Amino acid sequence: MFRRRKGTLAVALTAAAALSLAACSGGGKEKTDDSADSAGGGGGNSGYTIAFITHETPGDSFWDKIKAGAQQAAKDEGINLKYSNDPEASKQAVLIQNAIDSKVDGIATTLVTPDALAGAVKAAKDAGIPLVGLNSGIDQYKELGALMYFGSDETLAGTSAGERIAAAGGKHPLCVIQQTGSVALEARCAGVKSAVAGTENIQVNGADDAAVTSTLQAKLAQDKSIDWIVTLGAPQALDAIKSIEQAGSSAKLVTFDLNVDAAQAIQDGKIQFSIDQQPYVQGYMAVTSLYLNIKNGNDIGGGKPVLTGPSFVDKDNIGAILPFAKNNTR
């Protein structure tokens, strides 16, 4: 049975469907400033400009889905979308300040390092610019001053994953953290450990796939008692598959998040299940909520986070979900 923390609202995703939805990870190289404009479309031209700012590390396919959702919402509502990203907290704060200085109509941002972003978020509030959080920072967004939040309850997600592992007899999961200082990743592993006391964490460099593979291979070779691996991003799951094979380990693998290759690995039986936070929905709803707030003063979620996950993908439903993963909407 899933445990839900007090004060968290699971808003049904049928609401997202009514808004015509088609449906953290880190891996890749260092930062790029990929400011992209997406304007106009099915919703005409609202005249609004929204800044969409994340801690994306370029090369991680996870962020493609968040961007796809944001871009579709911008197209639907006729919004000029300004996307930028930086995995360094201080530089992400600068991107938020840049958006404020350019007098955008609204800001959507991830809040993966709340303390480092607090000043910039406050500056947006002081400037009268509505700001919503997504993906990371579910426990801190209100304190920071964000109006709304769209994402998964990461502690609930980790606990739910741990409960599945425990039910399958798991005793010593290895939880792989690929980004230092991420509150979302730490919450996931803490949730797993709350359900399986023998959970051990390991830190890897998510920007270097070869290093992830070698680090996990060495750990598995050194400790044969590890019976499950929990990766916190799809790219690291693919690295872990190699590590398990090279170490001759019998450990089973689960992962947070999906990409096409991870979805295929679930269908092939190499990954037991994925805990999906539905990033496409996060991007779509963050932009749509700002549009509705600016246009009508609407507030979504009743003052509580709007949950996009956890949603589990396994051998029983992968056949239905794989086409959407290939379409970059799931």
C-alpha atoms as a PDB file:
ATOM      1  CA  MET A   1       0.000   0.000   0.000  1.00  0.00           C
ATOM      2  CA  PHE A   2       1.359   3.384  -0.946  1.00  0.00           C
ATOM      3  CA  ARG A   3       1.926   5.953   1.802  1.00  0.00           C
ATOM      4  CA  ARG A   4       1.029   9.548   0.985  1.00  0.00           C
ATOM      5  CA  ARG A   5       2.521  12.460   2.886  1.00  0.00           C
ATOM      6  CA  LYS A   6       0.183  14.955   4.515  1.00  0.00           C
ATOM      7  CA  GLY A   7      -0.357  18.072   2.460  1.00  0.00           C
ATOM      8  CA  THR A   8       0.187  16.544  -0.961  1.00  0.00           C
ATOM      9  CA  LEU A   9      -2.636  16.492  -3.481  1.00  0.00           C
ATOM     10  CA  ALA A  10      -2.686  13.890  -6.216  1.00  0.00           C
ATOM     11  CA  VAL A  11      -4.543  15.740  -8.957  1.00  0.00           C
ATOM     12  CA  ALA A  12      -5.998  13.308 -11.476  1.00  0.00           C
ATOM     13  CA  LEU A  13      -4.244  13.334 -14.799  1.00  0.00           C
ATOM     14  CA  THR A  14      -7.605  13.261 -16.513  1.00  0.00           C
ATOM     15  CA  ALA A  15      -7.431  17.010 -16.024  1.00  0.00           C
ATOM     16  CA  ALA A  16      -4.275  16.998 -18.072  1.00  0.00           C
ATOM     17  CA  ALA A  17      -6.013  14.936 -20.730  1.00  0.00           C
ATOM     18  CA  ALA A  18      -8.721  17.532 -20.899  1.00  0.00           C
ATOM     19  CA  LEU A  19      -6.022  19.997 -21.829  1.00  0.00           C
ATOM     20  CA  SER A  20      -5.148  17.840 -24.860  1.00  0.00           C
ATOM     21  CA  LEU A  21      -1.994  16.176 -23.601  1.00  0.00           C
ATOM     22  CA  ALA A  22      -0.433  13.738 -26.019  1.00  0.00           C
ATOM     23  CA  ALA A  23       0.726  11.693 -23.414  1.00  0.00           C
ATOM     24  CA  CYS A  24      16.172  13.887 -13.091  1.00  0.00           C
ATOM     25  CA  SER A  25      18.311  12.669 -13.861  1.00  0.00           C
ATOM     26  CA  GLY A  26      21.575  13.585 -15.397  1.00  0.00           C
ATOM     27  CA  GLY A  27      23.794  12.222 -18.097  1.00  0.00           C
ATOM     28  CA  GLY A  28      25.748  13.666 -20.970  1.00  0.00           C
ATOM     29  CA  LYS A  29      28.118  16.571 -21.293  1.00  0.00           C
ATOM     30  CA  GLU A  30      28.461  19.858 -19.506  1.00  0.00           C
ATOM     31  CA  LYS A  31      26.148  22.849 -19.758  1.00  0.00           C
ATOM     32  CA  THR A  32      24.814  24.449 -22.887  1.00  0.00           C
ATOM     33  CA  ASP A  33      22.699  27.600 -23.093  1.00  0.00           C
ATOM     34  CA  ASP A  34      20.087  26.388 -25.545  1.00  0.00           C
ATOM     35  CA  SER A  35      17.649  29.281 -25.535  1.00  0.00           C
ATOM     36  CA  ALA A  36      14.968  28.260 -28.001  1.00  0.00           C
ATOM     37  CA  ASP A  37      11.856  30.153 -29.027  1.00  0.00           C
ATOM     38  CA  SER A  38       8.574  28.356 -29.612  1.00  0.00           C
ATOM     39  CA  ALA A  39       5.840  30.745 -30.642  1.00  0.00           C
ATOM     40  CA  GLY A  40       2.347  30.733 -32.014  1.00  0.00           C
ATOM     41  CA  GLY A  41       0.383  27.707 -33.110  1.00  0.00           C
ATOM     42  CA  GLY A  42      -3.023  26.192 -32.523  1.00  0.00           C
ATOM     43  CA  GLY A  43      -3.909  28.688 -29.780  1.00  0.00           C
ATOM     44  CA  GLY A  44      -3.202  31.777 -31.862  1.00  0.00           C
ATOM     45  CA  ASN A  45      -0.907  34.422 -30.398  1.00  0.00           C
ATOM     46  CA  SER A  46      -1.482  35.167 -26.719  1.00  0.00           C
ATOM     47  CA  GLY A  47       1.318  37.728 -26.692  1.00  0.00           C
ATOM     48  CA  TYR A  48       2.772  36.160 -23.538  1.00  0.00           C
ATOM     49  CA  THR A  49       6.449  35.314 -23.130  1.00  0.00           C
ATOM     50  CA  ILE A  50       7.319  32.567 -20.679  1.00  0.00           C
ATOM     51  CA  ALA A  51      10.833  31.629 -19.570  1.00  0.00           C
ATOM     52  CA  PHE A  52      11.348  27.905 -19.012  1.00  0.00           C
ATOM     53  CA  ILE A  53      14.518  27.210 -17.013  1.00  0.00           C
ATOM     54  CA  THR A  54      15.933  23.838 -15.942  1.00  0.00           C
ATOM     55  CA  HIS A  55      19.022  22.201 -14.493  1.00  0.00           C
ATOM     56  CA  GLU A  56      19.357  20.014 -17.601  1.00  0.00           C
ATOM     57  CA  THR A  57      22.707  18.461 -18.321  1.00  0.00           C
ATOM     58  CA  PRO A  58      22.841  18.333 -22.141  1.00  0.00           C
ATOM     59  CA  GLY A  59      22.783  14.825 -23.529  1.00  0.00           C
ATOM     60  CA  ASP A  60      20.149  13.440 -21.150  1.00  0.00           C
ATOM     61  CA  SER A  61      17.088  12.369 -23.142  1.00  0.00           C
ATOM     62  CA  PHE A  62      14.875  12.881 -20.086  1.00  0.00           C
ATOM     63  CA  TRP A  63      14.819  16.614 -20.728  1.00  0.00           C
ATOM     64  CA  ASP A  64      13.702  16.164 -24.318  1.00  0.00           C
ATOM     65  CA  LYS A  65      10.317  15.092 -22.964  1.00  0.00           C
ATOM     66  CA  ILE A  66       9.970  18.025 -20.593  1.00  0.00           C
ATOM     67  CA  LYS A  67      10.846  20.383 -23.444  1.00  0.00           C
ATOM     68  CA  ALA A  68       8.446  18.618 -25.810  1.00  0.00           C
ATOM     69  CA  GLY A  69       5.592  19.091 -23.351  1.00  0.00           C
ATOM     70  CA  ALA A  70       6.458  22.744 -22.761  1.00  0.00           C
ATOM     71  CA  GLN A  71       6.761  23.416 -26.491  1.00  0.00           C
ATOM     72  CA  GLN A  72       3.411  21.760 -27.217  1.00  0.00           C
ATOM     73  CA  ALA A  73       1.703  23.877 -24.555  1.00  0.00           C
ATOM     74  CA  ALA A  74       3.349  26.998 -25.993  1.00  0.00           C
ATOM     75  CA  LYS A  75       2.070  26.067 -29.436  1.00  0.00           C
ATOM     76  CA  ASP A  76      -1.427  25.353 -28.129  1.00  0.00           C
ATOM     77  CA  GLU A  77      -1.676  28.663 -26.285  1.00  0.00           C
ATOM     78  CA  GLY A  78       0.291  30.910 -28.664  1.00  0.00           C
ATOM     79  CA  ILE A  79       3.117  31.552 -26.207  1.00  0.00           C
ATOM     80  CA  ASN A  80       6.653  32.712 -26.942  1.00  0.00           C
ATOM     81  CA  LEU A  81       8.701  30.158 -24.959  1.00  0.00           C
ATOM     82  CA  LYS A  82      12.284  30.941 -23.945  1.00  0.00           C
ATOM     83  CA  TYR A  83      14.105  27.780 -22.857  1.00  0.00           C
ATOM     84  CA  SER A  84      17.464  27.861 -21.081  1.00  0.00           C
ATOM     85  CA  ASN A  85      19.343  25.518 -18.791  1.00  0.00           C
ATOM     86  CA  ASP A  86      22.405  25.071 -16.640  1.00  0.00           C
ATOM     87  CA  PRO A  87      23.247  22.170 -14.283  1.00  0.00           C
ATOM     88  CA  GLU A  88      25.187  24.509 -11.963  1.00  0.00           C
ATOM     89  CA  ALA A  89      22.891  25.944  -9.309  1.00  0.00           C
ATOM     90  CA  SER A  90      24.453  29.409  -9.241  1.00  0.00           C
ATOM     91  CA  LYS A  91      24.213  29.691 -13.018  1.00  0.00           C
ATOM     92  CA  GLN A  92      20.612  28.505 -13.046  1.00  0.00           C
ATOM     93  CA  ALA A  93      19.886  31.312 -10.574  1.00  0.00           C
ATOM     94  CA  VAL A  94      21.456  33.754 -13.037  1.00  0.00           C
ATOM     95  CA  LEU A  95      19.174  32.455 -15.799  1.00  0.00           C
ATOM     96  CA  ILE A  96      16.149  33.156 -13.594  1.00  0.00           C
ATOM     97  CA  GLN A  97      17.420  36.666 -12.911  1.00  0.00           C
ATOM     98  CA  ASN A  98      18.019  37.200 -16.633  1.00  0.00           C
ATOM     99  CA  ALA A  99      14.399  36.249 -17.291  1.00  0.00           C
ATOM    100  CA  ILE A 100      13.254  38.741 -14.662  1.00  0.00           C
ATOM    101  CA  ASP A 101      15.397  41.478 -16.181  1.00  0.00           C
ATOM    102  CA  SER A 102      13.933  40.796 -19.625  1.00  0.00           C
ATOM    103  CA  LYS A 103      10.441  41.279 -18.158  1.00  0.00           C
ATOM    104  CA  VAL A 104       8.925  37.973 -19.198  1.00  0.00           C
ATOM    105  CA  ASP A 105       5.277  37.372 -18.310  1.00  0.00           C
ATOM    106  CA  GLY A 106       5.938  34.168 -16.372  1.00  0.00           C
ATOM    107  CA  ILE A 107       8.671  31.759 -15.324  1.00  0.00           C
ATOM    108  CA  ALA A 108       8.646  27.964 -15.002  1.00  0.00           C
ATOM    109  CA  THR A 109      11.721  26.498 -13.339  1.00  0.00           C
ATOM    110  CA  THR A 110      13.037  23.361 -11.718  1.00  0.00           C
ATOM    111  CA  LEU A 111      13.977  23.798  -8.061  1.00  0.00           C
ATOM    112  CA  VAL A 112      16.561  21.050  -7.669  1.00  0.00           C
ATOM    113  CA  THR A 113      18.813  23.148  -5.393  1.00  0.00           C
ATOM    114  CA  PRO A 114      16.338  25.261  -3.422  1.00  0.00           C
ATOM    115  CA  ASP A 115      18.794  27.158  -1.240  1.00  0.00           C
ATOM    116  CA  ALA A 116      20.826  28.349  -4.223  1.00  0.00           C
ATOM    117  CA  LEU A 117      17.718  29.445  -6.130  1.00  0.00           C
ATOM    118  CA  ALA A 118      15.861  31.096  -3.243  1.00  0.00           C
ATOM    119  CA  GLY A 119      17.116  34.613  -3.970  1.00  0.00           C
ATOM    120  CA  ALA A 120      16.229  34.469  -7.650  1.00  0.00           C
ATOM    121  CA  VAL A 121      12.761  33.055  -6.967  1.00  0.00           C
ATOM    122  CA  LYS A 122      12.128  35.831  -4.444  1.00  0.00           C
ATOM    123  CA  ALA A 123      13.280  38.393  -6.999  1.00  0.00           C
ATOM    124  CA  ALA A 124      10.654  37.107  -9.436  1.00  0.00           C
ATOM    125  CA  LYS A 125       7.960  37.415  -6.780  1.00  0.00           C
ATOM    126  CA  ASP A 126       9.106  40.927  -5.887  1.00  0.00           C
ATOM    127  CA  ALA A 127       8.941  41.861  -9.585  1.00  0.00           C
ATOM    128  CA  GLY A 128       5.363  40.615  -9.798  1.00  0.00           C
ATOM    129  CA  ILE A 129       6.251  37.810 -12.230  1.00  0.00           C
ATOM    130  CA  PRO A 130       4.329  34.574 -11.586  1.00  0.00           C
ATOM    131  CA  LEU A 131       6.673  31.617 -11.135  1.00  0.00           C
ATOM    132  CA  VAL A 132       5.843  27.917 -10.956  1.00  0.00           C
ATOM    133  CA  GLY A 133       8.078  25.017 -10.017  1.00  0.00           C
ATOM    134  CA  LEU A 134       8.358  21.659 -11.696  1.00  0.00           C
ATOM    135  CA  ASN A 135      10.268  18.382 -11.501  1.00  0.00           C
ATOM    136  CA  SER A 136      12.274  19.089  -8.338  1.00  0.00           C
ATOM    137  CA  GLY A 137      11.581  20.953  -5.106  1.00  0.00           C
ATOM    138  CA  ILE A 138       8.176  19.600  -4.092  1.00  0.00           C
ATOM    139  CA  ASP A 139       8.873  20.155  -0.395  1.00  0.00           C
ATOM    140  CA  GLN A 140      10.387  23.611  -0.824  1.00  0.00           C
ATOM    141  CA  TYR A 141       8.398  25.344  -3.584  1.00  0.00           C
ATOM    142  CA  LYS A 142       5.887  27.036  -1.290  1.00  0.00           C
ATOM    143  CA  GLU A 143       8.545  28.319   1.078  1.00  0.00           C
ATOM    144  CA  LEU A 144      10.467  29.708  -1.885  1.00  0.00           C
ATOM    145  CA  GLY A 145       7.395  31.536  -3.172  1.00  0.00           C
ATOM    146  CA  ALA A 146       6.447  29.520  -6.272  1.00  0.00           C
ATOM    147  CA  LEU A 147       2.725  29.680  -7.056  1.00  0.00           C
ATOM    148  CA  MET A 148       2.236  26.086  -8.184  1.00  0.00           C
ATOM    149  CA  TYR A 149       4.225  22.883  -8.596  1.00  0.00           C
ATOM    150  CA  PHE A 150       4.078  20.020 -11.092  1.00  0.00           C
ATOM    151  CA  GLY A 151       6.017  16.821 -10.498  1.00  0.00           C
ATOM    152  CA  SER A 152       6.243  13.516  -8.736  1.00  0.00           C
ATOM    153  CA  ASP A 153       6.331  13.019  -4.984  1.00  0.00           C
ATOM    154  CA  GLU A 154       9.850  11.618  -4.931  1.00  0.00           C
ATOM    155  CA  THR A 155       9.690  10.205  -1.409  1.00  0.00           C
ATOM    156  CA  LEU A 156       6.429   8.432  -2.237  1.00  0.00           C
ATOM    157  CA  ALA A 157       7.959   7.200  -5.488  1.00  0.00           C
ATOM    158  CA  GLY A 158      11.043   5.834  -3.743  1.00  0.00           C
ATOM    159  CA  THR A 159       8.983   4.210  -1.006  1.00  0.00           C
ATOM    160  CA  SER A 160       6.667   2.607  -3.562  1.00  0.00           C
ATOM    161  CA  ALA A 161       9.649   1.249  -5.493  1.00  0.00           C
ATOM    162  CA  GLY A 162      11.171  -0.064  -2.269  1.00  0.00           C
ATOM    163  CA  GLU A 163       7.929  -1.798  -1.361  1.00  0.00           C
ATOM    164  CA  ARG A 164       7.944  -3.603  -4.698  1.00  0.00           C
ATOM    165  CA  ILE A 165      11.556  -4.635  -4.195  1.00  0.00           C
ATOM    166  CA  ALA A 166      10.828  -5.850  -0.652  1.00  0.00           C
ATOM    167  CA  ALA A 167       7.811  -7.834  -1.873  1.00  0.00           C
ATOM    168  CA  ALA A 168      10.100  -9.544  -4.389  1.00  0.00           C
ATOM    169  CA  GLY A 169      12.501 -10.524  -1.597  1.00  0.00           C
ATOM    170  CA  GLY A 170      15.097  -7.789  -2.057  1.00  0.00           C
ATOM    171  CA  LYS A 171      17.474  -7.278   0.885  1.00  0.00           C
ATOM    172  CA  HIS A 172      20.389  -5.153  -0.347  1.00  0.00           C
ATOM    173  CA  PRO A 173      19.477  -2.668  -3.083  1.00  0.00           C
ATOM    174  CA  LEU A 174      22.131  -0.315  -4.416  1.00  0.00           C
ATOM    175  CA  CYS A 175      20.658   3.142  -5.089  1.00  0.00           C
ATOM    176  CA  VAL A 176      22.684   5.075  -7.670  1.00  0.00           C
ATOM    177  CA  ILE A 177      22.785   8.873  -7.276  1.00  0.00           C
ATOM    178  CA  GLN A 178      24.127  10.612 -10.381  1.00  0.00           C
ATOM    179  CA  GLN A 179      24.005  14.283  -9.342  1.00  0.00           C
ATOM    180  CA  THR A 180      25.430  15.713  -6.139  1.00  0.00           C
ATOM    181  CA  GLY A 181      23.103  17.899  -4.089  1.00  0.00           C
ATOM    182  CA  SER A 182      19.834  17.009  -5.853  1.00  0.00           C
ATOM    183  CA  VAL A 183      17.028  16.979  -3.293  1.00  0.00           C
ATOM    184  CA  ALA A 184      14.863  14.899  -5.646  1.00  0.00           C
ATOM    185  CA  LEU A 185      17.443  12.135  -6.092  1.00  0.00           C
ATOM    186  CA  GLU A 186      18.221  12.006  -2.396  1.00  0.00           C
ATOM    187  CA  ALA A 187      14.492  11.736  -1.610  1.00  0.00           C
ATOM    188  CA  ARG A 188      14.137   8.804  -3.991  1.00  0.00           C
ATOM    189  CA  CYS A 189      16.891   6.815  -2.302  1.00  0.00           C
ATOM    190  CA  ALA A 190      15.586   7.736   1.150  1.00  0.00           C
ATOM    191  CA  GLY A 191      12.187   6.418   0.114  1.00  0.00           C
ATOM    192  CA  VAL A 192      13.683   3.125  -1.068  1.00  0.00           C
ATOM    193  CA  LYS A 193      15.599   2.782   2.200  1.00  0.00           C
ATOM    194  CA  SER A 194      12.431   3.398   4.226  1.00  0.00           C
ATOM    195  CA  ALA A 195      10.996   0.220   2.702  1.00  0.00           C
ATOM    196  CA  VAL A 196      14.222  -1.834   2.487  1.00  0.00           C
ATOM    197  CA  ALA A 197      16.527  -1.126   5.420  1.00  0.00           C
ATOM    198  CA  GLY A 198      19.529  -2.696   3.698  1.00  0.00           C
ATOM    199  CA  THR A 199      19.553  -0.086   0.917  1.00  0.00           C
ATOM    200  CA  GLU A 200      22.987   1.359   0.177  1.00  0.00           C
ATOM    201  CA  ASN A 201      23.636   4.549  -1.786  1.00  0.00           C
ATOM    202  CA  ILE A 202      26.466   5.076  -4.246  1.00  0.00           C
ATOM    203  CA  GLN A 203      27.476   8.351  -5.911  1.00  0.00           C
ATOM    204  CA  VAL A 204      28.449   8.370  -9.586  1.00  0.00           C
ATOM    205  CA  ASN A 205      29.216  11.005 -12.191  1.00  0.00           C
ATOM    206  CA  GLY A 206      26.085  11.019 -14.324  1.00  0.00           C
ATOM    207  CA  ALA A 207      27.800  13.096 -16.993  1.00  0.00           C
ATOM    208  CA  ASP A 208      30.200  10.223 -17.795  1.00  0.00           C
ATOM    209  CA  ASP A 209      28.482   7.006 -18.857  1.00  0.00           C
ATOM    210  CA  ALA A 210      31.727   5.042 -19.036  1.00  0.00           C
ATOM    211  CA  ALA A 211      32.571   6.069 -15.478  1.00  0.00           C
ATOM    212  CA  VAL A 212      29.102   5.047 -14.270  1.00  0.00           C
ATOM    213  CA  THR A 213      29.509   1.622 -15.875  1.00  0.00           C
ATOM    214  CA  SER A 214      32.969   1.008 -14.422  1.00  0.00           C
ATOM    215  CA  THR A 215      32.010   2.243 -10.943  1.00  0.00           C
ATOM    216  CA  LEU A 216      28.968  -0.014 -10.773  1.00  0.00           C
ATOM    217  CA  GLN A 217      30.842  -2.977 -12.231  1.00  0.00           C
ATOM    218  CA  ALA A 218      33.538  -2.644  -9.565  1.00  0.00           C
ATOM    219  CA  LYS A 219      30.955  -2.360  -6.803  1.00  0.00           C
ATOM    220  CA  LEU A 220      29.034  -5.409  -7.988  1.00  0.00           C
ATOM    221  CA  ALA A 221      32.212  -7.452  -8.307  1.00  0.00           C
ATOM    222  CA  GLN A 222      33.287  -6.438  -4.804  1.00  0.00           C
ATOM    223  CA  ASP A 223      29.924  -7.022  -3.066  1.00  0.00           C
ATOM    224  CA  LYS A 224      27.965 -10.059  -4.216  1.00  0.00           C
ATOM    225  CA  SER A 225      25.215  -9.421  -1.658  1.00  0.00           C
ATOM    226  CA  ILE A 226      23.771  -6.605  -3.801  1.00  0.00           C
ATOM    227  CA  ASP A 227      20.566  -8.105  -5.172  1.00  0.00           C
ATOM    228  CA  TRP A 228      18.888  -5.064  -6.741  1.00  0.00           C
ATOM    229  CA  ILE A 229      20.129  -1.911  -8.419  1.00  0.00           C
ATOM    230  CA  VAL A 230      17.979   1.217  -8.410  1.00  0.00           C
ATOM    231  CA  THR A 231      19.078   3.813 -10.943  1.00  0.00           C
ATOM    232  CA  LEU A 232      17.546   7.279 -10.769  1.00  0.00           C
ATOM    233  CA  GLY A 233      17.641   8.046 -14.488  1.00  0.00           C
ATOM    234  CA  ALA A 234      17.173   6.034 -17.670  1.00  0.00           C
ATOM    235  CA  PRO A 235      20.699   6.670 -19.048  1.00  0.00           C
ATOM    236  CA  GLN A 236      22.202   5.252 -15.856  1.00  0.00           C
ATOM    237  CA  ALA A 237      19.936   2.206 -16.158  1.00  0.00           C
ATOM    238  CA  LEU A 238      21.486   1.433 -19.538  1.00  0.00           C
ATOM    239  CA  ASP A 239      24.937   1.786 -17.961  1.00  0.00           C
ATOM    240  CA  ALA A 240      23.858  -0.556 -15.156  1.00  0.00           C
ATOM    241  CA  ILE A 241      22.787  -3.239 -17.642  1.00  0.00           C
ATOM    242  CA  LYS A 242      26.359  -3.300 -18.935  1.00  0.00           C
ATOM    243  CA  SER A 243      27.758  -3.337 -15.392  1.00  0.00           C
ATOM    244  CA  ILE A 244      25.601  -6.291 -14.359  1.00  0.00           C
ATOM    245  CA  GLU A 245      26.664  -8.271 -17.411  1.00  0.00           C
ATOM    246  CA  GLN A 246      30.353  -7.442 -17.047  1.00  0.00           C
ATOM    247  CA  ALA A 247      30.398  -8.244 -13.328  1.00  0.00           C
ATOM    248  CA  GLY A 248      28.498 -11.485 -13.789  1.00  0.00           C
ATOM    249  CA  SER A 249      26.011 -10.262 -11.193  1.00  0.00           C
ATOM    250  CA  SER A 250      22.541 -11.689 -10.616  1.00  0.00           C
ATOM    251  CA  ALA A 251      21.225  -8.338  -9.328  1.00  0.00           C
ATOM    252  CA  LYS A 252      17.888  -7.206 -10.720  1.00  0.00           C
ATOM    253  CA  LEU A 253      17.492  -3.702 -12.096  1.00  0.00           C
ATOM    254  CA  VAL A 254      14.815  -1.035 -11.710  1.00  0.00           C
ATOM    255  CA  THR A 255      14.996   2.589 -12.760  1.00  0.00           C
ATOM    256  CA  PHE A 256      13.329   5.919 -12.394  1.00  0.00           C
ATOM    257  CA  ASP A 257      12.258   7.559 -15.646  1.00  0.00           C
ATOM    258  CA  LEU A 258      12.013   6.292 -19.190  1.00  0.00           C
ATOM    259  CA  ASN A 259      13.625   6.730 -22.549  1.00  0.00           C
ATOM    260  CA  VAL A 260      13.140   4.606 -25.655  1.00  0.00           C
ATOM    261  CA  ASP A 261      16.034   2.271 -24.848  1.00  0.00           C
ATOM    262  CA  ALA A 262      14.968   1.803 -21.233  1.00  0.00           C
ATOM    263  CA  ALA A 263      11.402   1.118 -22.347  1.00  0.00           C
ATOM    264  CA  GLN A 264      12.695  -1.500 -24.764  1.00  0.00           C
ATOM    265  CA  ALA A 265      14.826  -3.005 -21.967  1.00  0.00           C
ATOM    266  CA  ILE A 266      11.671  -3.393 -19.860  1.00  0.00           C
ATOM    267  CA  GLN A 267      10.008  -5.230 -22.721  1.00  0.00           C
ATOM    268  CA  ASP A 268      13.130  -7.391 -23.109  1.00  0.00           C
ATOM    269  CA  GLY A 269      13.168  -8.247 -19.386  1.00  0.00           C
ATOM    270  CA  LYS A 270      16.457  -6.502 -18.598  1.00  0.00           C
ATOM    271  CA  ILE A 271      14.737  -3.883 -16.411  1.00  0.00           C
ATOM    272  CA  GLN A 272      12.055  -5.080 -14.002  1.00  0.00           C
ATOM    273  CA  PHE A 273      10.104  -1.837 -13.893  1.00  0.00           C
ATOM    274  CA  SER A 274      10.382   1.931 -14.198  1.00  0.00           C
ATOM    275  CA  ILE A 275       9.026   4.564 -11.831  1.00  0.00           C
ATOM    276  CA  ASP A 276       7.823   7.165 -14.305  1.00  0.00           C
ATOM    277  CA  GLN A 277       7.202  10.803 -13.317  1.00  0.00           C
ATOM    278  CA  GLN A 278       5.801  11.685 -16.769  1.00  0.00           C
ATOM    279  CA  PRO A 279       8.080  14.612 -17.658  1.00  0.00           C
ATOM    280  CA  TYR A 280       6.063  15.522 -20.754  1.00  0.00           C
ATOM    281  CA  VAL A 281       3.119  16.286 -18.470  1.00  0.00           C
ATOM    282  CA  GLN A 282       5.338  18.372 -16.173  1.00  0.00           C
ATOM    283  CA  GLY A 283       6.470  20.575 -19.038  1.00  0.00           C
ATOM    284  CA  TYR A 284       2.998  20.882 -20.529  1.00  0.00           C
ATOM    285  CA  MET A 285       1.237  21.697 -17.284  1.00  0.00           C
ATOM    286  CA  ALA A 286       3.865  24.170 -16.073  1.00  0.00           C
ATOM    287  CA  VAL A 287       3.437  26.311 -19.197  1.00  0.00           C
ATOM    288  CA  THR A 288      -0.343  25.873 -19.365  1.00  0.00           C
ATOM    289  CA  SER A 289      -0.758  26.811 -15.694  1.00  0.00           C
ATOM    290  CA  LEU A 290       1.163  30.050 -16.223  1.00  0.00           C
ATOM    291  CA  TYR A 291      -0.945  30.877 -19.282  1.00  0.00           C
ATOM    292  CA  LEU A 292      -4.154  30.356 -17.304  1.00  0.00           C
ATOM    293  CA  ASN A 293      -2.825  32.292 -14.321  1.00  0.00           C
ATOM    294  CA  ILE A 294      -1.744  35.274 -16.407  1.00  0.00           C
ATOM    295  CA  LYS A 295      -4.914  35.270 -18.516  1.00  0.00           C
ATOM    296  CA  ASN A 296      -7.542  34.427 -15.886  1.00  0.00           C
ATOM    297  CA  GLY A 297      -5.903  34.384 -12.464  1.00  0.00           C
ATOM    298  CA  ASN A 298      -6.424  30.625 -12.304  1.00  0.00           C
ATOM    299  CA  ASP A 299      -4.645  28.509  -9.707  1.00  0.00           C
ATOM    300  CA  ILE A 300      -4.239  24.746 -10.217  1.00  0.00           C
ATOM    301  CA  GLY A 301      -3.839  22.313  -7.355  1.00  0.00           C
ATOM    302  CA  GLY A 302      -5.672  24.102  -4.568  1.00  0.00           C
ATOM    303  CA  GLY A 303      -2.415  25.222  -2.986  1.00  0.00           C
ATOM    304  CA  LYS A 304      -0.903  21.752  -3.128  1.00  0.00           C
ATOM    305  CA  PRO A 305       1.502  20.043  -5.565  1.00  0.00           C
ATOM    306  CA  VAL A 306      -0.009  18.591  -8.722  1.00  0.00           C
ATOM    307  CA  LEU A 307       1.360  15.060  -8.926  1.00  0.00           C
ATOM    308  CA  THR A 308       2.430  13.628 -12.268  1.00  0.00           C
ATOM    309  CA  GLY A 309       3.756  10.455 -10.668  1.00  0.00           C
ATOM    310  CA  PRO A 310       4.754   7.952  -9.542  1.00  0.00           C
ATOM    311  CA  SER A 311       3.426   5.850 -12.388  1.00  0.00           C
ATOM    312  CA  PHE A 312       4.828   2.342 -12.800  1.00  0.00           C
ATOM    313  CA  VAL A 313       5.816   0.834 -16.141  1.00  0.00           C
ATOM    314  CA  ASP A 314       6.499  -2.903 -16.228  1.00  0.00           C
ATOM    315  CA  LYS A 315       6.064  -5.991 -18.373  1.00  0.00           C
ATOM    316  CA  ASP A 316       2.288  -5.807 -17.967  1.00  0.00           C
ATOM    317  CA  ASN A 317       1.816  -2.361 -19.536  1.00  0.00           C
ATOM    318  CA  ILE A 318       4.983  -1.723 -21.548  1.00  0.00           C
ATOM    319  CA  GLY A 319       3.291  -2.847 -24.750  1.00  0.00           C
ATOM    320  CA  ALA A 320       0.843   0.038 -24.499  1.00  0.00           C
ATOM    321  CA  ILE A 321       3.407   2.608 -23.329  1.00  0.00           C
ATOM    322  CA  LEU A 322       6.334   1.843 -25.660  1.00  0.00           C
ATOM    323  CA  PRO A 323       4.779   3.625 -28.680  1.00  0.00           C
ATOM    324  CA  PHE A 324       4.374   6.789 -26.586  1.00  0.00           C
ATOM    325  CA  ALA A 325       7.972   6.521 -25.402  1.00  0.00           C
ATOM    326  CA  LYS A 326       9.037   6.352 -29.035  1.00  0.00           C
ATOM    327  CA  ASN A 327       6.902   9.436 -29.705  1.00  0.00           C
ATOM    328  CA  ASN A 328       8.738  11.324 -26.935  1.00  0.00           C
ATOM    329  CA  THR A 329       5.554  11.913 -24.954  1.00  0.00           C
ATOM    330  CA  ARG A 330       6.011   9.246 -22.248  1.00  0.00           C
END
